[in-house]
């Protein structure tokens, strides 16, 4: 059973750490914005993709809005608007998935009260480190 009310530890970060193992069914992290809010989520990451599961119990597809607000850092934003949502859940929530995620291929699916966003990880290698020569300024 999934627990949606766990709080992040003070040392947790929204930055995803690359893992060297296959996609798992166990979450990497579980976050809740506040105990009374419904916007808790779990992040799963493997070698091929990242998945974010958001508690959207009681919401319909028309109640939810998902946007990419920064393509290069893959920052996603979601919000809910319905008569049953609290004022806190109507405010958008943002999550930085990181530049290693292919945000162009982000998809969202709502099933049994869980909004699931998935995106593949980029397969291109990181650019090589470039050394910058230092010159001595002439006076």
Protein backbone atom coordinates (compact mmCIF):
# COMPACT_ATOMS: atom_id res chain seq x y z
CA UNK A 1 0.00 0.00 0.00
CA UNK A 2 1.22 3.48 -0.86
CA UNK A 3 1.56 6.06 1.88
CA UNK A 4 0.93 9.61 0.69
CA UNK A 5 1.51 11.48 3.95
CA UNK A 6 5.20 10.92 4.62
CA UNK A 7 7.20 14.12 5.06
CA UNK A 8 10.60 14.66 3.41
CA UNK A 9 13.63 14.56 5.64
CA UNK A 10 15.46 17.83 6.14
CA UNK A 11 18.34 16.52 4.05
CA UNK A 12 16.20 15.56 1.04
CA UNK A 13 16.55 17.48 -2.19
CA UNK A 14 14.39 17.78 -5.28
CA UNK A 15 17.46 17.19 -7.42
CA UNK A 16 17.42 13.66 -8.76
CA UNK A 17 20.51 11.52 -8.34
CA UNK A 18 21.39 9.26 -11.26
CA UNK A 19 21.11 5.63 -10.30
CA UNK A 20 23.07 2.73 -11.75
CA UNK A 21 20.31 0.12 -11.49
CA UNK A 22 17.19 -0.88 -13.38
CA UNK A 23 13.81 0.77 -12.85
CA UNK A 24 12.33 -0.28 -9.53
CA UNK A 25 8.80 -0.34 -8.20
CA UNK A 26 9.90 1.14 -4.87
CA UNK A 27 9.87 4.95 -4.75
CA UNK A 28 13.10 6.88 -4.40
CA UNK A 29 11.42 9.55 -2.32
CA UNK A 30 7.97 10.44 -1.04
CA UNK A 31 7.07 14.08 -0.43
CA UNK A 32 4.05 15.85 0.99
CA UNK A 33 3.76 19.60 0.75
CA UNK A 34 1.96 19.72 4.12
CA UNK A 35 0.02 17.10 6.10
CA UNK A 36 -3.38 18.64 5.19
CA UNK A 37 -2.65 18.93 1.46
CA UNK A 38 -3.32 16.34 -1.20
CA UNK A 39 -0.27 17.21 -3.32
CA UNK A 40 2.07 14.50 -2.14
CA UNK A 41 4.08 12.58 -4.72
CA UNK A 42 6.58 9.80 -5.24
CA UNK A 43 9.54 9.79 -7.64
CA UNK A 44 10.83 6.62 -9.30
CA UNK A 45 13.96 6.64 -11.47
CA UNK A 46 15.79 3.90 -13.32
CA UNK A 47 18.30 3.70 -16.15
CA UNK A 48 15.71 4.40 -18.85
CA UNK A 49 13.01 6.68 -17.40
CA UNK A 50 11.72 8.77 -14.53
CA UNK A 51 8.20 8.51 -13.15
CA UNK A 52 6.37 10.81 -10.75
CA UNK A 53 3.17 9.57 -9.06
CA UNK A 54 0.98 12.33 -7.60
CA UNK A 55 -1.98 11.78 -5.29
CA UNK A 56 -4.98 13.07 -7.26
CA UNK A 57 -7.71 11.16 -5.44
CA UNK A 58 -11.14 12.61 -6.16
CA UNK A 59 -9.98 14.66 -9.14
CA UNK A 60 -10.89 14.22 -12.78
CA UNK A 61 -8.82 14.85 -15.89
CA UNK A 62 -10.60 18.20 -16.32
CA UNK A 63 -9.64 19.26 -12.77
CA UNK A 64 -5.89 18.83 -13.36
CA UNK A 65 -3.37 20.89 -15.28
CA UNK A 66 0.23 19.82 -15.99
CA UNK A 67 2.76 22.10 -17.66
CA UNK A 68 6.48 22.17 -18.40
CA UNK A 69 7.62 25.62 -17.24
CA UNK A 70 11.35 25.20 -17.96
CA UNK A 71 12.30 22.80 -20.74
CA UNK A 72 16.09 22.75 -20.22
CA UNK A 73 15.86 21.85 -16.50
CA UNK A 74 12.62 19.89 -17.02
CA UNK A 75 10.64 21.76 -14.40
CA UNK A 76 7.05 20.53 -14.33
CA UNK A 77 4.16 22.28 -12.66
CA UNK A 78 0.80 20.81 -11.70
CA UNK A 79 -2.33 22.22 -10.13
CA UNK A 80 -5.89 21.14 -9.39
CA UNK A 81 -9.07 23.13 -9.59
CA UNK A 82 -12.41 21.69 -8.55
CA UNK A 83 -15.08 22.39 -5.96
CA UNK A 84 -13.59 19.71 -3.68
CA UNK A 85 -9.98 20.99 -3.68
CA UNK A 86 -8.64 23.13 -0.88
CA UNK A 87 -7.26 26.58 -1.63
CA UNK A 88 -3.75 25.17 -1.00
CA UNK A 89 -4.15 22.53 -3.74
CA UNK A 90 -5.27 25.12 -6.28
CA UNK A 91 -1.83 26.73 -6.12
CA UNK A 92 0.62 25.21 -8.60
CA UNK A 93 3.31 22.85 -7.36
CA UNK A 94 6.66 22.66 -9.15
CA UNK A 95 9.20 19.89 -9.40
CA UNK A 96 12.61 20.06 -11.08
CA UNK A 97 13.30 16.71 -12.73
CA UNK A 98 16.68 17.80 -14.07
CA UNK A 99 18.47 18.24 -17.38
CA UNK A 100 19.03 14.49 -17.77
CA UNK A 101 15.27 14.03 -18.38
CA UNK A 102 13.87 14.31 -21.92
CA UNK A 103 11.04 16.72 -21.11
CA UNK A 104 9.92 16.81 -24.77
CA UNK A 105 8.57 13.28 -24.28
CA UNK A 106 6.86 13.86 -20.91
CA UNK A 107 3.46 12.19 -20.66
CA UNK A 108 0.74 12.32 -18.00
CA UNK A 109 -1.92 9.72 -17.20
CA UNK A 110 -4.67 9.71 -14.56
CA UNK A 111 -5.70 6.29 -13.23
CA UNK A 112 -7.50 5.39 -10.00
CA UNK A 113 -6.67 8.64 -8.22
CA UNK A 114 -3.00 8.76 -9.23
CA UNK A 115 -1.63 11.26 -11.73
CA UNK A 116 1.43 9.58 -13.26
CA UNK A 117 3.97 11.56 -15.24
CA UNK A 118 6.66 9.66 -17.18
CA UNK A 119 9.62 10.77 -19.25
CA UNK A 120 12.64 8.93 -20.64
CA UNK A 121 16.12 9.86 -19.57
CA UNK A 122 18.29 11.43 -22.26
CA UNK A 123 20.67 8.98 -23.90
CA UNK A 124 23.17 11.51 -25.17
CA UNK A 125 26.40 11.72 -23.21
CA UNK A 126 27.23 14.75 -21.12
CA UNK A 127 29.36 17.27 -23.03
CA UNK A 128 33.07 16.89 -22.36
CA UNK A 129 34.76 19.23 -19.93
CA UNK A 130 36.42 22.13 -21.68
CA UNK A 131 39.57 23.65 -20.17
CA UNK A 132 39.73 27.42 -20.49
CA UNK A 133 43.26 28.83 -20.86
CA UNK A 134 44.22 31.63 -18.53
CA UNK A 135 46.21 34.48 -19.99
CA UNK A 136 48.22 37.13 -18.23
CA UNK A 137 46.80 40.59 -18.68
CA UNK A 138 49.18 43.21 -20.06
CA UNK A 139 49.38 46.36 -18.00
